[in-house]
Amino acid sequence: MQKLVLLRHGESLWNKENRFTGWTDIDLSEDGFRQSEQAGRLFKKHGFEFDIGFTSVLKRSIKTLHVVLDQMDMLWIPVQKSWRLNERFYGALQGLNKEAITQQYGEEQVHKWRRDPHEHPPAINETDERFPGHYLRYYDLTYRELPLTENLSETMDRVLPFWHEAIVPALRQNQKVIICAHGNSLRALIQYIENLSDEAVTSLDIPTAIPLIYELDEKLDCIKHYYLS
């Protein structure tokens, strides 16, 4: 049996303001830093150790993992960052208030944008300042990899290659792994690990900075999972 730890980043400034964030690089709120510290103390209390960490290239995820490892006195472990663990790209919704968008488009449509694995939010175009192609951190992505909008199914399509190429080999070497990422990139990964239906993943909600522990067998199939508290 092997443990895999998933952790959604602490509350961000835009989480606090109830705004769609996506790939916008927003920092943690004060509560987000405190949540991250608490997660680190929780790991230490329960005797967790890690050999390697994986995170996105967005600061709310990077800083959460940094604070966690600092609390554990494990800042020295290697951490691999990848855009493939980024939050889902919310297109033209990024930066907009969720309540205001709900009033404009209706609760049913917004729910589809947020939860339906095959529903696309409104797209941006390449001249939009939110287009990832404008930013140095994405300079090595191909044209097809730069999103204008993204649904959960497409998020899974970009997460899974990183899972198979980077994370699975670490698990096969019996390394203790923590993945610190985002609500939707983790939902996509969980759908794969648990073999969830689209209907089941629609209702899946992941709280900020509460460790989710997966116990896996030798084939990396899920035995059980639980939140650490």
Protein backbone atom coordinates (compact mmCIF):
# COMPACT_ATOMS: atom_id res chain seq x y z
CA MET A 1 0.00 0.00 0.00
CA GLN A 2 1.25 3.47 -0.91
CA LYS A 3 -0.05 6.90 0.04
CA LEU A 4 -0.52 9.76 -2.40
CA VAL A 5 -1.34 13.21 -1.01
CA LEU A 6 -3.41 15.74 -2.95
CA LEU A 7 -3.74 19.30 -1.70
CA ARG A 8 -5.67 22.18 -3.18
CA HIS A 9 -3.93 25.52 -2.64
CA GLY A 10 -5.03 27.79 0.22
CA GLU A 11 -7.63 30.49 -0.32
CA SER A 12 -6.52 33.02 -2.94
CA LEU A 13 -7.40 36.70 -3.11
CA TRP A 14 -9.85 35.98 -5.92
CA ASN A 15 -11.36 33.01 -4.07
CA LYS A 16 -12.09 35.51 -1.31
CA GLU A 17 -13.61 37.95 -3.82
CA ASN A 18 -15.63 35.14 -5.48
CA ARG A 19 -14.02 35.66 -8.88
CA PHE A 20 -13.16 33.16 -11.62
CA THR A 21 -9.38 32.77 -11.55
CA GLY A 22 -8.20 30.12 -14.01
CA TRP A 23 -4.62 30.76 -15.16
CA THR A 24 -4.53 34.31 -13.75
CA ASP A 25 -1.62 34.33 -11.32
CA ILE A 26 -3.29 35.48 -8.12
CA ASP A 27 -1.63 35.32 -4.69
CA LEU A 28 -2.88 33.69 -1.52
CA SER A 29 -5.03 35.69 0.89
CA GLU A 30 -4.02 36.02 4.54
CA ASP A 31 -6.41 33.18 5.31
CA GLY A 32 -4.81 31.19 2.50
CA PHE A 33 -1.39 31.49 4.13
CA ARG A 34 -2.87 30.46 7.49
CA GLN A 35 -4.63 27.49 5.88
CA SER A 36 -1.34 26.40 4.31
CA GLU A 37 0.47 26.66 7.63
CA GLN A 38 -2.25 24.59 9.27
CA ALA A 39 -1.94 21.91 6.58
CA GLY A 40 1.81 21.73 7.19
CA ARG A 41 1.33 21.40 10.94
CA LEU A 42 -1.27 18.69 10.32
CA PHE A 43 1.15 16.68 8.18
CA LYS A 44 3.83 17.00 10.85
CA LYS A 45 1.42 15.99 13.63
CA HIS A 46 0.46 12.83 11.76
CA GLY A 47 4.06 11.90 10.91
CA PHE A 48 3.94 12.53 7.16
CA GLU A 49 7.13 12.93 5.18
CA PHE A 50 7.61 13.59 1.47
CA ASP A 51 10.34 12.72 -1.03
CA ILE A 52 9.07 14.91 -3.89
CA GLY A 53 6.43 17.54 -4.55
CA PHE A 54 4.57 18.48 -7.71
CA THR A 55 2.80 21.76 -8.32
CA SER A 56 1.56 24.08 -11.04
CA VAL A 57 3.35 27.20 -12.28
CA LEU A 58 0.86 29.49 -10.49
CA LYS A 59 1.97 31.26 -7.32
CA ARG A 60 -1.03 30.31 -5.16
CA SER A 61 -0.13 26.66 -5.60
CA ILE A 62 3.64 27.15 -5.40
CA LYS A 63 3.40 29.23 -2.22
CA THR A 64 0.99 26.81 -0.57
CA LEU A 65 3.41 23.94 -1.04
CA HIS A 66 6.34 26.11 0.09
CA VAL A 67 4.55 27.05 3.32
CA VAL A 68 3.53 23.43 3.93
CA LEU A 69 7.08 22.16 3.50
CA ASP A 70 8.44 24.99 5.64
CA GLN A 71 6.14 23.96 8.48
CA MET A 72 7.42 20.40 8.09
CA ASP A 73 11.09 21.48 7.88
CA MET A 74 11.23 19.80 4.48
CA LEU A 75 11.95 22.71 2.13
CA TRP A 76 14.94 20.76 0.85
CA ILE A 77 12.93 18.15 -1.09
CA PRO A 78 12.73 18.54 -4.89
CA VAL A 79 9.61 20.21 -6.28
CA GLN A 80 8.66 19.88 -9.93
CA LYS A 81 6.45 22.59 -11.45
CA SER A 82 4.32 22.07 -14.55
CA TRP A 83 1.70 24.09 -16.41
CA ARG A 84 -0.14 20.79 -16.82
CA LEU A 85 -1.23 21.06 -13.17
CA ASN A 86 -2.60 24.58 -13.67
CA GLU A 87 -6.19 25.37 -12.84
CA ARG A 88 -8.70 24.96 -15.64
CA PHE A 89 -8.54 27.88 -18.09
CA TYR A 90 -11.83 29.75 -17.66
CA GLY A 91 -11.52 31.88 -20.80
CA ALA A 92 -13.48 35.13 -20.80
CA LEU A 93 -14.84 34.42 -17.31
CA GLN A 94 -11.43 34.91 -15.72
CA GLY A 95 -11.46 37.89 -13.37
CA LEU A 96 -15.27 38.19 -13.32
CA ASN A 97 -17.39 37.92 -10.19
CA LYS A 98 -19.30 34.63 -10.02
CA GLU A 99 -22.42 36.15 -8.49
CA ALA A 100 -22.58 38.89 -11.13
CA ILE A 101 -22.16 36.34 -13.92
CA THR A 102 -24.92 34.20 -12.38
CA GLN A 103 -27.28 37.18 -12.36
CA GLN A 104 -26.42 37.87 -16.01
CA TYR A 105 -26.55 34.34 -17.47
CA GLY A 106 -28.60 32.39 -14.94
CA GLU A 107 -27.67 29.78 -12.36
CA GLU A 108 -28.15 26.81 -14.70
CA GLN A 109 -25.74 28.12 -17.36
CA VAL A 110 -23.08 29.13 -14.84
CA HIS A 111 -23.38 25.73 -13.18
CA LYS A 112 -22.72 24.10 -16.57
CA TRP A 113 -19.68 26.31 -17.16
CA ARG A 114 -18.30 25.43 -13.75
CA ARG A 115 -19.21 21.76 -13.45
CA ASP A 116 -20.15 20.09 -16.73
CA PRO A 117 -17.03 18.21 -17.94
CA HIS A 118 -17.85 19.02 -21.57
CA GLU A 119 -19.13 22.60 -21.32
CA HIS A 120 -16.83 25.41 -22.51
CA PRO A 121 -16.88 28.84 -20.87
CA PRO A 122 -16.87 31.76 -23.35
CA ALA A 123 -13.52 31.88 -25.13
CA ILE A 124 -11.05 34.75 -25.34
CA ASN A 125 -9.01 35.58 -28.44
CA GLU A 126 -5.24 35.82 -28.82
CA THR A 127 -5.19 39.61 -28.44
CA ASP A 128 -6.73 39.38 -24.97
CA GLU A 129 -4.26 40.20 -22.18
CA ARG A 130 -5.35 36.97 -20.46
CA PHE A 131 -4.06 34.82 -23.35
CA PRO A 132 -1.24 32.64 -21.94
CA GLY A 133 0.87 33.11 -25.07
CA HIS A 134 1.77 36.60 -23.82
CA TYR A 135 3.63 35.25 -20.77
CA LEU A 136 7.22 34.01 -20.55
CA ARG A 137 6.36 31.01 -18.36
CA TYR A 138 4.43 29.49 -21.29
CA TYR A 139 7.00 30.23 -24.01
CA ASP A 140 7.67 26.54 -24.71
CA LEU A 141 4.02 25.55 -25.19
CA THR A 142 2.84 24.76 -28.68
CA TYR A 143 0.04 26.70 -30.34
CA ARG A 144 -2.36 23.82 -29.66
CA GLU A 145 -1.42 23.76 -25.97
CA LEU A 146 -2.26 27.44 -25.40
CA PRO A 147 -5.95 27.54 -24.41
CA LEU A 148 -8.59 30.11 -25.30
CA THR A 149 -11.11 28.27 -23.12
CA GLU A 150 -11.13 24.86 -21.49
CA ASN A 151 -13.59 22.33 -20.13
CA LEU A 152 -12.84 19.73 -17.45
CA SER A 153 -12.38 16.95 -20.00
CA GLU A 154 -9.65 18.99 -21.73
CA THR A 155 -8.08 19.73 -18.35
CA MET A 156 -7.84 15.99 -17.78
CA ASP A 157 -6.27 15.57 -21.23
CA ARG A 158 -3.37 17.82 -20.24
CA VAL A 159 -3.05 16.58 -16.63
CA LEU A 160 -2.81 12.87 -17.45
CA PRO A 161 0.41 13.00 -19.53
CA PHE A 162 2.15 14.61 -16.54
CA TRP A 163 0.63 12.00 -14.23
CA HIS A 164 1.98 9.15 -16.35
CA GLU A 165 5.35 10.71 -17.26
CA ALA A 166 6.36 12.32 -13.94
CA ILE A 167 4.18 11.32 -11.00
CA VAL A 168 3.65 7.60 -11.68
CA PRO A 169 7.42 6.94 -12.01
CA ALA A 170 7.97 8.58 -8.62
CA LEU A 171 5.26 6.41 -7.09
CA ARG A 172 6.76 3.31 -8.74
CA GLN A 173 10.01 4.14 -6.97
CA ASN A 174 8.09 4.18 -3.66
CA GLN A 175 8.63 7.88 -3.24
CA LYS A 176 6.30 9.73 -0.91
CA VAL A 177 4.47 12.18 -3.18
CA ILE A 178 2.49 15.36 -2.57
CA ILE A 179 0.64 17.12 -5.40
CA CYS A 180 -0.36 20.70 -4.63
CA ALA A 181 -2.60 22.03 -7.37
CA HIS A 182 -6.04 23.49 -8.05
CA GLY A 183 -9.70 22.60 -7.71
CA ASN A 184 -10.22 21.53 -11.31
CA SER A 185 -6.83 19.99 -12.09
CA LEU A 186 -7.29 17.88 -8.96
CA ARG A 187 -10.88 17.05 -9.90
CA ALA A 188 -9.63 15.80 -13.26
CA LEU A 189 -6.96 13.69 -11.58
CA ILE A 190 -9.42 12.31 -9.04
CA GLN A 191 -11.85 11.38 -11.81
CA TYR A 192 -9.09 9.31 -13.38
CA ILE A 193 -7.80 7.72 -10.15
CA GLU A 194 -11.28 6.78 -8.95
CA ASN A 195 -12.68 6.08 -12.41
CA LEU A 196 -15.58 8.43 -11.70
CA SER A 197 -18.39 9.07 -14.15
CA ASP A 198 -18.96 12.55 -15.56
CA GLU A 199 -22.06 12.76 -13.40
CA ALA A 200 -20.11 11.94 -10.24
CA VAL A 201 -17.32 14.42 -10.94
CA THR A 202 -19.88 17.17 -11.54
CA SER A 203 -20.76 17.16 -7.84
CA LEU A 204 -17.18 16.75 -6.60
CA ASP A 205 -15.98 19.69 -4.52
CA ILE A 206 -12.47 20.00 -3.07
CA PRO A 207 -11.91 22.34 -0.10
CA THR A 208 -8.86 24.62 0.07
CA ALA A 209 -5.79 23.37 1.93
CA ILE A 210 -7.38 20.24 3.42
CA PRO A 211 -5.11 17.25 2.69
CA LEU A 212 -6.74 14.45 0.70
CA ILE A 213 -5.01 11.11 1.20
CA TYR A 214 -5.21 8.27 -1.30
CA GLU A 215 -4.11 4.76 -0.42
CA LEU A 216 -3.08 2.89 -3.57
CA ASP A 217 -2.26 -0.76 -4.23
CA GLU A 218 0.76 -2.04 -6.16
CA LYS A 219 -1.03 -1.29 -9.44
CA LEU A 220 -1.73 2.25 -8.20
CA ASP A 221 -5.44 1.49 -8.04
CA CYS A 222 -7.36 3.27 -5.30
CA ILE A 223 -7.96 1.26 -2.12
CA LYS A 224 -9.50 4.11 -0.15
CA HIS A 225 -9.26 7.86 0.33
CA TYR A 226 -9.95 10.29 3.14
CA TYR A 227 -9.35 13.86 4.28
CA LEU A 228 -6.75 14.40 6.97
CA SER A 229 -8.16 16.34 9.89
